[in-house]
Amino acid sequence: MPLLLGLALVALFLWFAEDISTVCRVWCCPDQLHGWTPVSPATLIAWFLLMVVGFSLIAVPHRRGQERGASA
């Protein structure tokens, strides 16, 4: 499975979980105090960007550390 597809699927499941938890009143966003509304689809993009940035922050330094170890 391509990496970006995997990250997109994880972001999609997180978005669904956020929507379900707001339906069950696990937490309420400020705009949901007077009644439930679905979580904005823009949040899906935010989850995806969080996944990409998080993966990059871990993978890039890890790869550089392995390259240094192999060259030494």
PDB file of N, CA and C in Angstrom:
ATOM      1  N   MET A   1       0.854  -1.171   0.000  1.00  0.00           N
ATOM      2  CA  MET A   1       0.000   0.000   0.000  1.00  0.00           C
ATOM      3  C   MET A   1       0.901   1.235   0.000  1.00  0.00           C
ATOM      4  N   PRO A   2       0.608   2.198  -0.851  1.00  0.00           N
ATOM      5  CA  PRO A   2       1.393   3.438  -0.860  1.00  0.00           C
ATOM      6  C   PRO A   2       1.257   4.179   0.475  1.00  0.00           C
ATOM      7  N   LEU A   3       2.337   4.842   0.845  1.00  0.00           N
ATOM      8  CA  LEU A   3       2.388   5.532   2.139  1.00  0.00           C
ATOM      9  C   LEU A   3       1.297   6.594   2.265  1.00  0.00           C
ATOM     10  N   LEU A   4       1.120   7.425   1.246  1.00  0.00           N
ATOM     11  CA  LEU A   4       0.122   8.499   1.345  1.00  0.00           C
ATOM     12  C   LEU A   4      -1.295   7.945   1.447  1.00  0.00           C
ATOM     13  N   LEU A   5      -1.558   6.837   0.774  1.00  0.00           N
ATOM     14  CA  LEU A   5      -2.873   6.208   0.892  1.00  0.00           C
ATOM     15  C   LEU A   5      -3.092   5.704   2.310  1.00  0.00           C
ATOM     16  N   GLY A   6      -2.076   5.088   2.886  1.00  0.00           N
ATOM     17  CA  GLY A   6      -2.182   4.614   4.267  1.00  0.00           C
ATOM     18  C   GLY A   6      -2.417   5.747   5.250  1.00  0.00           C
ATOM     19  N   LEU A   7      -1.689   6.847   5.069  1.00  0.00           N
ATOM     20  CA  LEU A   7      -1.880   8.003   5.951  1.00  0.00           C
ATOM     21  C   LEU A   7      -3.263   8.618   5.763  1.00  0.00           C
ATOM     22  N   ALA A   8      -3.745   8.623   4.521  1.00  0.00           N
ATOM     23  CA  ALA A   8      -5.093   9.154   4.266  1.00  0.00           C
ATOM     24  C   ALA A   8      -6.150   8.284   4.935  1.00  0.00           C
ATOM     25  N   LEU A   9      -5.973   6.973   4.909  1.00  0.00           N
ATOM     26  CA  LEU A   9      -6.938   6.082   5.565  1.00  0.00           C
ATOM     27  C   LEU A   9      -6.924   6.262   7.078  1.00  0.00           C
ATOM     28  N   VAL A  10      -5.738   6.415   7.652  1.00  0.00           N
ATOM     29  CA  VAL A  10      -5.652   6.662   9.097  1.00  0.00           C
ATOM     30  C   VAL A  10      -6.341   7.974   9.439  1.00  0.00           C
ATOM     31  N   ALA A  11      -6.109   9.013   8.643  1.00  0.00           N
ATOM     32  CA  ALA A  11      -6.758  10.304   8.876  1.00  0.00           C
ATOM     33  C   ALA A  11      -8.275  10.182   8.760  1.00  0.00           C
ATOM     34  N   LEU A  12      -8.743   9.385   7.794  1.00  0.00           N
ATOM     35  CA  LEU A  12     -10.188   9.178   7.631  1.00  0.00           C
ATOM     36  C   LEU A  12     -10.785   8.491   8.850  1.00  0.00           C
ATOM     37  N   PHE A  13     -10.120   7.468   9.363  1.00  0.00           N
ATOM     38  CA  PHE A  13     -10.630   6.779  10.548  1.00  0.00           C
ATOM     39  C   PHE A  13     -10.607   7.679  11.779  1.00  0.00           C
ATOM     40  N   LEU A  14      -9.590   8.525  11.907  1.00  0.00           N
ATOM     41  CA  LEU A  14      -9.559   9.475  13.020  1.00  0.00           C
ATOM     42  C   LEU A  14     -10.700  10.479  12.921  1.00  0.00           C
ATOM     43  N   TRP A  15     -10.992  10.914  11.698  1.00  0.00           N
ATOM     44  CA  TRP A  15     -12.097  11.858  11.497  1.00  0.00           C
ATOM     45  C   TRP A  15     -13.429  11.202  11.863  1.00  0.00           C
ATOM     46  N   PHE A  16     -13.617   9.939  11.439  1.00  0.00           N
ATOM     47  CA  PHE A  16     -14.836   9.209  11.825  1.00  0.00           C
ATOM     48  C   PHE A  16     -14.925   9.071  13.337  1.00  0.00           C
ATOM     49  N   ALA A  17     -13.824   8.739  13.988  1.00  0.00           N
ATOM     50  CA  ALA A  17     -13.813   8.584  15.444  1.00  0.00           C
ATOM     51  C   ALA A  17     -14.158   9.904  16.129  1.00  0.00           C
ATOM     52  N   GLU A  18     -13.658  10.993  15.597  1.00  0.00           N
ATOM     53  CA  GLU A  18     -13.983  12.302  16.171  1.00  0.00           C
ATOM     54  C   GLU A  18     -15.471  12.606  16.011  1.00  0.00           C
ATOM     55  N   ASP A  19     -16.031  12.277  14.849  1.00  0.00           N
ATOM     56  CA  ASP A  19     -17.450  12.502  14.606  1.00  0.00           C
ATOM     57  C   ASP A  19     -18.306  11.635  15.534  1.00  0.00           C
ATOM     58  N   ILE A  20     -17.941  10.376  15.678  1.00  0.00           N
ATOM     59  CA  ILE A  20     -18.695   9.469  16.553  1.00  0.00           C
ATOM     60  C   ILE A  20     -18.608   9.914  18.008  1.00  0.00           C
ATOM     61  N   SER A  21     -17.429  10.364  18.426  1.00  0.00           N
ATOM     62  CA  SER A  21     -17.288  10.789  19.826  1.00  0.00           C
ATOM     63  C   SER A  21     -18.054  12.066  20.116  1.00  0.00           C
ATOM     64  N   THR A  22     -18.239  12.924  19.114  1.00  0.00           N
ATOM     65  CA  THR A  22     -19.069  14.109  19.363  1.00  0.00           C
ATOM     66  C   THR A  22     -20.550  13.746  19.397  1.00  0.00           C
ATOM     67  N   VAL A  23     -20.949  12.715  18.629  1.00  0.00           N
ATOM     68  CA  VAL A  23     -22.343  12.247  18.702  1.00  0.00           C
ATOM     69  C   VAL A  23     -22.620  11.683  20.089  1.00  0.00           C
ATOM     70  N   CYS A  24     -21.672  10.931  20.629  1.00  0.00           N
ATOM     71  CA  CYS A  24     -21.837  10.290  21.945  1.00  0.00           C
ATOM     72  C   CYS A  24     -21.546  11.240  23.100  1.00  0.00           C
ATOM     73  N   ARG A  25     -21.242  12.492  22.781  1.00  0.00           N
ATOM     74  CA  ARG A  25     -20.958  13.518  23.789  1.00  0.00           C
ATOM     75  C   ARG A  25     -19.747  13.184  24.660  1.00  0.00           C
ATOM     76  N   VAL A  26     -18.743  12.523  24.060  1.00  0.00           N
ATOM     77  CA  VAL A  26     -17.492  12.310  24.779  1.00  0.00           C
ATOM     78  C   VAL A  26     -16.845  13.664  25.026  1.00  0.00           C
ATOM     79  N   TRP A  27     -16.885  14.522  24.022  1.00  0.00           N
ATOM     80  CA  TRP A  27     -16.538  15.919  24.179  1.00  0.00           C
ATOM     81  C   TRP A  27     -17.379  16.728  23.211  1.00  0.00           C
ATOM     82  N   CYS A  28     -17.478  18.011  23.486  1.00  0.00           N
ATOM     83  CA  CYS A  28     -18.271  18.895  22.626  1.00  0.00           C
ATOM     84  C   CYS A  28     -17.404  20.052  22.175  1.00  0.00           C
ATOM     85  N   CYS A  29     -17.426  20.287  20.889  1.00  0.00           N
ATOM     86  CA  CYS A  29     -16.759  21.467  20.345  1.00  0.00           C
ATOM     87  C   CYS A  29     -17.622  22.682  20.672  1.00  0.00           C
ATOM     88  N   PRO A  30     -17.039  23.877  20.696  1.00  0.00           N
ATOM     89  CA  PRO A  30     -17.819  25.064  21.068  1.00  0.00           C
ATOM     90  C   PRO A  30     -19.057  25.291  20.206  1.00  0.00           C
ATOM     91  N   ASP A  31     -19.008  24.917  18.918  1.00  0.00           N
ATOM     92  CA  ASP A  31     -20.179  25.140  18.069  1.00  0.00           C
ATOM     93  C   ASP A  31     -21.229  24.041  18.229  1.00  0.00           C
ATOM     94  N   GLN A  32     -20.977  23.059  19.098  1.00  0.00           N
ATOM     95  CA  GLN A  32     -21.924  21.965  19.301  1.00  0.00           C
ATOM     96  C   GLN A  32     -22.605  22.014  20.669  1.00  0.00           C
ATOM     97  N   LEU A  33     -22.514  23.124  21.346  1.00  0.00           N
ATOM     98  CA  LEU A  33     -23.109  23.217  22.677  1.00  0.00           C
ATOM     99  C   LEU A  33     -24.635  23.213  22.637  1.00  0.00           C
ATOM    100  N   HIS A  34     -25.233  23.727  21.571  1.00  0.00           N
ATOM    101  CA  HIS A  34     -26.690  23.809  21.476  1.00  0.00           C
ATOM    102  C   HIS A  34     -27.292  22.662  20.688  1.00  0.00           C
ATOM    103  N   GLY A  35     -26.487  21.739  20.246  1.00  0.00           N
ATOM    104  CA  GLY A  35     -26.969  20.602  19.477  1.00  0.00           C
ATOM    105  C   GLY A  35     -25.850  20.040  18.619  1.00  0.00           C
ATOM    106  N   TRP A  36     -25.993  18.780  18.249  1.00  0.00           N
ATOM    107  CA  TRP A  36     -24.930  18.121  17.503  1.00  0.00           C
ATOM    108  C   TRP A  36     -24.933  18.551  16.045  1.00  0.00           C
ATOM    109  N   THR A  37     -23.750  18.805  15.543  1.00  0.00           N
ATOM    110  CA  THR A  37     -23.532  19.021  14.118  1.00  0.00           C
ATOM    111  C   THR A  37     -22.314  18.191  13.722  1.00  0.00           C
ATOM    112  N   PRO A  38     -22.269  17.706  12.486  1.00  0.00           N
ATOM    113  CA  PRO A  38     -21.098  16.908  12.078  1.00  0.00           C
ATOM    114  C   PRO A  38     -19.813  17.730  12.124  1.00  0.00           C
ATOM    115  N   VAL A  39     -18.725  17.032  12.369  1.00  0.00           N
ATOM    116  CA  VAL A  39     -17.425  17.681  12.361  1.00  0.00           C
ATOM    117  C   VAL A  39     -17.096  18.074  10.924  1.00  0.00           C
ATOM    118  N   SER A  40     -16.517  19.228  10.749  1.00  0.00           N
ATOM    119  CA  SER A  40     -16.230  19.760   9.420  1.00  0.00           C
ATOM    120  C   SER A  40     -15.298  18.845   8.629  1.00  0.00           C
ATOM    121  N   PRO A  41     -15.575  18.660   7.335  1.00  0.00           N
ATOM    122  CA  PRO A  41     -14.658  17.872   6.501  1.00  0.00           C
ATOM    123  C   PRO A  41     -13.260  18.487   6.407  1.00  0.00           C
ATOM    124  N   ALA A  42     -13.130  19.772   6.698  1.00  0.00           N
ATOM    125  CA  ALA A  42     -11.810  20.397   6.710  1.00  0.00           C
ATOM    126  C   ALA A  42     -10.926  19.774   7.784  1.00  0.00           C
ATOM    127  N   THR A  43     -11.540  19.222   8.818  1.00  0.00           N
ATOM    128  CA  THR A  43     -10.791  18.552   9.867  1.00  0.00           C
ATOM    129  C   THR A  43     -10.093  17.314   9.325  1.00  0.00           C
ATOM    130  N   LEU A  44     -10.678  16.687   8.317  1.00  0.00           N
ATOM    131  CA  LEU A  44     -10.050  15.531   7.676  1.00  0.00           C
ATOM    132  C   LEU A  44      -8.706  15.937   7.075  1.00  0.00           C
ATOM    133  N   ILE A  45      -8.644  17.082   6.444  1.00  0.00           N
ATOM    134  CA  ILE A  45      -7.388  17.571   5.871  1.00  0.00           C
ATOM    135  C   ILE A  45      -6.384  17.861   6.984  1.00  0.00           C
ATOM    136  N   ALA A  46      -6.858  18.409   8.088  1.00  0.00           N
ATOM    137  CA  ALA A  46      -5.970  18.688   9.212  1.00  0.00           C
ATOM    138  C   ALA A  46      -5.385  17.395   9.772  1.00  0.00           C
ATOM    139  N   TRP A  47      -6.206  16.344   9.908  1.00  0.00           N
ATOM    140  CA  TRP A  47      -5.700  15.052  10.380  1.00  0.00           C
ATOM    141  C   TRP A  47      -4.667  14.489   9.417  1.00  0.00           C
ATOM    142  N   PHE A  48      -4.926  14.609   8.095  1.00  0.00           N
ATOM    143  CA  PHE A  48      -3.986  14.102   7.101  1.00  0.00           C
ATOM    144  C   PHE A  48      -2.655  14.847   7.185  1.00  0.00           C
ATOM    145  N   LEU A  49      -2.703  16.163   7.285  1.00  0.00           N
ATOM    146  CA  LEU A  49      -1.463  16.935   7.398  1.00  0.00           C
ATOM    147  C   LEU A  49      -0.715  16.597   8.681  1.00  0.00           C
ATOM    148  N   LEU A  50      -1.440  16.368   9.764  1.00  0.00           N
ATOM    149  CA  LEU A  50      -0.815  15.965  11.008  1.00  0.00           C
ATOM    150  C   LEU A  50      -0.095  14.632  10.844  1.00  0.00           C
ATOM    151  N   MET A  51      -0.709  13.694  10.122  1.00  0.00           N
ATOM    152  CA  MET A  51      -0.089  12.392   9.885  1.00  0.00           C
ATOM    153  C   MET A  51       1.185  12.544   9.040  1.00  0.00           C
ATOM    154  N   VAL A  52       1.143  13.354   7.995  1.00  0.00           N
ATOM    155  CA  VAL A  52       2.304  13.545   7.119  1.00  0.00           C
ATOM    156  C   VAL A  52       3.446  14.209   7.881  1.00  0.00           C
ATOM    157  N   VAL A  53       3.141  15.266   8.620  1.00  0.00           N
ATOM    158  CA  VAL A  53       4.174  15.966   9.376  1.00  0.00           C
ATOM    159  C   VAL A  53       4.745  15.067  10.472  1.00  0.00           C
ATOM    160  N   GLY A  54       3.883  14.347  11.166  1.00  0.00           N
ATOM    161  CA  GLY A  54       4.351  13.437  12.207  1.00  0.00           C
ATOM    162  C   GLY A  54       5.253  12.347  11.655  1.00  0.00           C
ATOM    163  N   PHE A  55       4.877  11.759  10.538  1.00  0.00           N
ATOM    164  CA  PHE A  55       5.703  10.732   9.924  1.00  0.00           C
ATOM    165  C   PHE A  55       7.044  11.313   9.486  1.00  0.00           C
ATOM    166  N   SER A  56       7.013  12.509   8.907  1.00  0.00           N
ATOM    167  CA  SER A  56       8.252  13.141   8.435  1.00  0.00           C
ATOM    168  C   SER A  56       9.184  13.472   9.587  1.00  0.00           C
ATOM    169  N   LEU A  57       8.633  13.953  10.695  1.00  0.00           N
ATOM    170  CA  LEU A  57       9.470  14.304  11.837  1.00  0.00           C
ATOM    171  C   LEU A  57      10.165  13.086  12.441  1.00  0.00           C
ATOM    172  N   ILE A  58       9.595  11.918  12.273  1.00  0.00           N
ATOM    173  CA  ILE A  58      10.214  10.696  12.783  1.00  0.00           C
ATOM    174  C   ILE A  58      11.119  10.061  11.740  1.00  0.00           C
ATOM    175  N   ALA A  59      10.666   9.983  10.493  1.00  0.00           N
ATOM    176  CA  ALA A  59      11.386   9.231   9.461  1.00  0.00           C
ATOM    177  C   ALA A  59      12.666   9.917   8.995  1.00  0.00           C
ATOM    178  N   VAL A  60      12.644  11.222   8.804  1.00  0.00           N
ATOM    179  CA  VAL A  60      13.816  11.914   8.256  1.00  0.00           C
ATOM    180  C   VAL A  60      15.012  11.844   9.207  1.00  0.00           C
ATOM    181  N   PRO A  61      14.883  12.193  10.484  1.00  0.00           N
ATOM    182  CA  PRO A  61      16.052  12.064  11.369  1.00  0.00           C
ATOM    183  C   PRO A  61      16.501  10.608  11.531  1.00  0.00           C
ATOM    184  N   HIS A  62      15.554   9.685  11.525  1.00  0.00           N
ATOM    185  CA  HIS A  62      15.911   8.271  11.669  1.00  0.00           C
ATOM    186  C   HIS A  62      16.742   7.817  10.476  1.00  0.00           C
ATOM    187  N   ARG A  63      16.356   8.224   9.274  1.00  0.00           N
ATOM    188  CA  ARG A  63      17.105   7.854   8.067  1.00  0.00           C
ATOM    189  C   ARG A  63      18.500   8.473   8.080  1.00  0.00           C
ATOM    190  N   ARG A  64      18.594   9.734   8.503  1.00  0.00           N
ATOM    191  CA  ARG A  64      19.912  10.390   8.563  1.00  0.00           C
ATOM    192  C   ARG A  64      20.810   9.702   9.574  1.00  0.00           C
ATOM    193  N   GLY A  65      20.245   9.256  10.683  1.00  0.00           N
ATOM    194  CA  GLY A  65      21.042   8.539  11.690  1.00  0.00           C
ATOM    195  C   GLY A  65      21.543   7.206  11.148  1.00  0.00           C
ATOM    196  N   GLN A  66      20.734   6.517  10.366  1.00  0.00           N
ATOM    197  CA  GLN A  66      21.179   5.264   9.778  1.00  0.00           C
ATOM    198  C   GLN A  66      22.255   5.501   8.744  1.00  0.00           C
ATOM    199  N   GLU A  67      22.178   6.581   7.958  1.00  0.00           N
ATOM    200  CA  GLU A  67      23.207   6.888   6.960  1.00  0.00           C
ATOM    201  C   GLU A  67      24.532   7.210   7.633  1.00  0.00           C
ATOM    202  N   ARG A  68      24.499   7.929   8.739  1.00  0.00           N
ATOM    203  CA  ARG A  68      25.730   8.236   9.465  1.00  0.00           C
ATOM    204  C   ARG A  68      26.366   6.976  10.040  1.00  0.00           C
ATOM    205  N   GLY A  69      25.536   6.091  10.550  1.00  0.00           N
ATOM    206  CA  GLY A  69      26.049   4.838  11.119  1.00  0.00           C
ATOM    207  C   GLY A  69      26.676   3.943  10.062  1.00  0.00           C
ATOM    208  N   ALA A  70      26.132   3.937   8.852  1.00  0.00           N
ATOM    209  CA  ALA A  70      26.654   3.092   7.783  1.00  0.00           C
ATOM    210  C   ALA A  70      27.947   3.651   7.220  1.00  0.00           C
ATOM    211  N   SER A  71      28.104   4.979   7.214  1.00  0.00           N
ATOM    212  CA  SER A  71      29.305   5.579   6.642  1.00  0.00           C
ATOM    213  C   SER A  71      30.477   5.587   7.614  1.00  0.00           C
ATOM    214  N   ALA A  72      30.230   5.429   8.896  1.00  0.00           N
ATOM    215  CA  ALA A  72      31.303   5.490   9.892  1.00  0.00           C
ATOM    216  C   ALA A  72      32.094   4.215   9.986  1.00  0.00           C
TER     217      ALA A  72
END
